[in-house]
C-alpha atoms as a PDB file:
ATOM      1  CA  GLY A   1      12.629   0.141   1.352  1.00  0.00           C
ATOM      2  CA  THR A   2       9.361  -1.825   1.437  1.00  0.00           C
ATOM      3  CA  ARG A   3       7.392  -2.463  -1.535  1.00  0.00           C
ATOM      4  CA  VAL A   4       3.534  -2.246  -1.488  1.00  0.00           C
ATOM      5  CA  PRO A   5       1.471  -2.967  -4.284  1.00  0.00           C
ATOM      6  CA  ILE A   6      -0.422   0.060  -5.574  1.00  0.00           C
ATOM      7  CA  GLN A   7      -3.620  -2.311  -5.847  1.00  0.00           C
ATOM      8  CA  ASN A   8      -3.492  -2.533  -1.910  1.00  0.00           C
ATOM      9  CA  LEU A   9      -4.295   1.402  -1.953  1.00  0.00           C
ATOM     10  CA  PHE A  10      -7.401   1.164  -4.354  1.00  0.00           C
ATOM     11  CA  ASP A  11      -8.660  -2.073  -2.524  1.00  0.00           C
ATOM     12  CA  TYR A  12      -8.654  -0.055   0.879  1.00  0.00           C
ATOM     13  CA  LEU A  13     -10.337   3.063  -0.929  1.00  0.00           C
ATOM     14  CA  GLU A  14     -12.747   0.862  -2.777  1.00  0.00           C
ATOM     15  CA  GLY A  15     -13.726  -1.037   0.497  1.00  0.00           C
ATOM     16  CA  GLY A  16     -14.667   2.202   2.148  1.00  0.00           C
ATOM     17  CA  ASP A  17     -11.507   2.763   4.194  1.00  0.00           C
ATOM     18  CA  SER A  18      -9.832   6.001   4.404  1.00  0.00           C
ATOM     19  CA  LEU A  19      -6.403   7.139   3.122  1.00  0.00           C
ATOM     20  CA  ASP A  20      -5.600   7.114   6.946  1.00  0.00           C
ATOM     21  CA  ASP A  21      -6.613   3.680   7.353  1.00  0.00           C
ATOM     22  CA  PHE A  22      -4.302   2.795   4.591  1.00  0.00           C
ATOM     23  CA  LEU A  23      -1.310   4.448   5.860  1.00  0.00           C
ATOM     24  CA  GLU A  24      -1.732   3.045   9.357  1.00  0.00           C
ATOM     25  CA  GLY A  25      -1.919  -0.483   7.777  1.00  0.00           C
ATOM     26  CA  PHE A  26       1.214   0.396   5.949  1.00  0.00           C
ATOM     27  CA  PRO A  27       3.512   2.502   7.847  1.00  0.00           C
ATOM     28  CA  PRO A  28       6.437   2.765   5.497  1.00  0.00           C
ATOM     29  CA  ILE A  29       4.206   4.545   3.003  1.00  0.00           C
ATOM     30  CA  THR A  30       4.121   8.335   3.456  1.00  0.00           C
ATOM     31  CA  ARG A  31       0.900  10.405   2.932  1.00  0.00           C
ATOM     32  CA  GLU A  32       3.036  12.241   0.118  1.00  0.00           C
ATOM     33  CA  HIS A  33       3.554   8.912  -1.784  1.00  0.00           C
ATOM     34  CA  ALA A  34       0.203   7.921  -1.626  1.00  0.00           C
ATOM     35  CA  ILE A  35      -1.241  11.131  -2.640  1.00  0.00           C
ATOM     36  CA  ALA A  36       0.992  11.244  -5.543  1.00  0.00           C
ATOM     37  CA  VAL A  37       0.002   7.820  -6.701  1.00  0.00           C
ATOM     38  CA  LEU A  38      -3.825   8.892  -6.527  1.00  0.00           C
ATOM     39  CA  GLU A  39      -2.854  11.827  -8.605  1.00  0.00           C
ATOM     40  CA  LEU A  40      -1.039   9.947 -11.123  1.00  0.00           C
ATOM     41  CA  ALA A  41      -3.907   7.626 -11.394  1.00  0.00           C
ATOM     42  CA  LYS A  42      -6.319  10.677 -11.682  1.00  0.00           C
ATOM     43  CA  SER A  43      -4.328  12.232 -14.516  1.00  0.00           C
ATOM     44  CA  SER A  44      -3.815   8.892 -16.506  1.00  0.00           C
ATOM     45  CA  LEU A  45      -7.767   8.388 -16.151  1.00  0.00           C
ATOM     46  CA  ALA A  46      -8.513  11.899 -17.310  1.00  0.00           C
ATOM     47  CA  LYS A  47      -6.193  11.312 -20.341  1.00  0.00           C
ATOM     48  CA  GLU A  48      -8.022   8.107 -20.964  1.00  0.00           C
ATOM     49  CA  LEU A  49     -11.385   9.554 -20.911  1.00  0.00           C
ATOM     50  CA  ALA A  50     -10.355  12.669 -23.108  1.00  0.00           C
ATOM     51  CA  THR A  51      -9.551   9.993 -25.969  1.00  0.00           C
ATOM     52  CA  VAL A  52     -13.114   8.337 -25.668  1.00  0.00           C
END
């Protein structure tokens, strides 16, 4: 499969693009995979904030 750096997803979102825009730019990535990455980042951030 094609490897896409996770940073690309965050760059799209930070730039104001939608998840759909990202998925159009990277057709090998499924919506489910992108959402899984976002959920993992959300969970990781929540754990990090809980220790502050």
